[in-house]
Amino acid sequence: MKRALFASIIAALALAFAAPGVAQAQNKGKKVSKKVKTYDFSGDTIDGALVKPDGVEVDARTFASHTSLIKIRTNFIKEILKSAEDL
């Protein structure tokens, strides 16, 4: 009972303090002018070369192959006949 009361009080306080923060962030009636910045790179020339690998081939790691852990039973006819007799 005390836990539920304490949790509801904490939730109410959290909602009470959260609501005014949202309203204060909004501008009412003020016009905000956005400054536009323009960058001109027309006079700059960029020289460079395309970097490529040297032609060395890198192979991915091969994973080890393991035998299957599942053993397939070849002689199970005796067990099938035995289970049929129990019916």
Protein backbone atom coordinates (compact mmCIF):
# COMPACT_ATOMS: atom_id res chain seq x y z
CA MET A 1 0.00 0.00 0.00
CA LYS A 2 2.81 2.38 0.91
CA ARG A 3 4.69 1.53 -2.26
CA ALA A 4 1.69 2.32 -4.45
CA LEU A 5 1.11 5.63 -2.66
CA PHE A 6 4.79 6.56 -2.91
CA ALA A 7 4.91 5.63 -6.61
CA SER A 8 1.81 7.68 -7.40
CA ILE A 9 3.23 10.72 -5.58
CA ILE A 10 6.52 10.44 -7.48
CA ALA A 11 4.65 10.10 -10.80
CA ALA A 12 2.48 13.14 -10.04
CA LEU A 13 5.53 15.24 -9.14
CA ALA A 14 7.34 14.16 -12.30
CA LEU A 15 4.37 15.16 -14.46
CA ALA A 16 3.94 18.47 -12.62
CA PHE A 17 7.56 19.51 -13.17
CA ALA A 18 7.72 18.24 -16.75
CA ALA A 19 4.73 20.22 -18.07
CA PRO A 20 6.02 23.80 -17.42
CA GLY A 21 9.36 23.02 -19.08
CA VAL A 22 7.65 22.31 -22.37
CA ALA A 23 5.56 25.49 -22.27
CA GLN A 24 8.55 27.71 -21.50
CA ALA A 25 10.47 26.47 -24.51
CA GLN A 26 7.89 27.80 -26.95
CA ASN A 27 8.17 31.34 -28.31
CA LYS A 28 4.88 33.22 -28.22
CA GLY A 29 4.50 35.81 -30.96
CA LYS A 30 8.24 36.40 -31.41
CA LYS A 31 9.63 36.20 -34.90
CA VAL A 32 12.87 34.32 -35.02
CA SER A 33 15.04 35.22 -37.98
CA LYS A 34 17.18 32.39 -39.25
CA LYS A 35 20.55 33.46 -40.58
CA VAL A 36 21.60 31.75 -43.77
CA LYS A 37 25.29 31.03 -44.22
CA THR A 38 26.67 30.54 -47.69
CA TYR A 39 30.06 29.04 -48.47
CA ASP A 40 31.69 29.63 -51.85
CA PHE A 41 34.28 27.07 -52.96
CA SER A 42 34.44 28.13 -56.60
CA GLY A 43 38.04 29.41 -56.39
CA ASP A 44 39.40 26.34 -54.61
CA THR A 45 40.80 23.44 -56.61
CA ILE A 46 41.22 20.08 -55.06
CA ASP A 47 43.98 17.82 -56.35
CA GLY A 48 44.30 14.24 -55.28
CA ALA A 49 44.55 10.66 -56.34
CA LEU A 50 42.21 7.79 -55.87
CA VAL A 51 43.54 5.46 -53.22
CA LYS A 52 43.14 1.80 -54.11
CA PRO A 53 44.45 -1.39 -52.55
CA ASP A 54 47.75 -2.72 -53.87
CA GLY A 55 46.13 -5.80 -55.34
CA VAL A 56 46.78 -8.05 -52.36
CA GLU A 57 43.87 -10.38 -51.87
CA VAL A 58 42.78 -10.94 -48.31
CA ASP A 59 40.89 -14.17 -47.74
CA ALA A 60 38.31 -14.53 -45.03
CA ARG A 61 38.88 -16.94 -42.20
CA THR A 62 37.63 -20.43 -42.91
CA PHE A 63 35.69 -22.11 -40.17
CA ALA A 64 36.47 -25.62 -39.03
CA SER A 65 34.17 -28.37 -40.19
CA HIS A 66 32.99 -30.81 -37.56
CA THR A 67 31.25 -34.12 -37.81
CA SER A 68 27.59 -34.26 -36.93
CA LEU A 69 26.66 -34.97 -33.33
CA ILE A 70 23.45 -36.69 -34.41
CA LYS A 71 23.79 -40.46 -34.62
CA ILE A 72 21.37 -42.09 -37.03
CA ARG A 73 20.18 -45.42 -35.69
CA THR A 74 20.07 -48.14 -38.31
CA ASN A 75 18.73 -51.02 -36.18
CA PHE A 76 15.48 -49.88 -34.60
CA ILE A 77 13.07 -52.44 -36.05
CA LYS A 78 13.23 -54.50 -32.82
CA GLU A 79 12.10 -51.51 -30.78
CA ILE A 80 9.22 -50.78 -33.19
CA LEU A 81 7.98 -54.38 -32.93
CA LYS A 82 8.32 -54.32 -29.14
CA SER A 83 6.31 -51.09 -28.85
CA ALA A 84 3.63 -52.58 -31.15
CA GLU A 85 3.34 -55.64 -28.88
CA ASP A 86 2.76 -53.40 -25.83
CA LEU A 87 -0.33 -51.90 -27.49
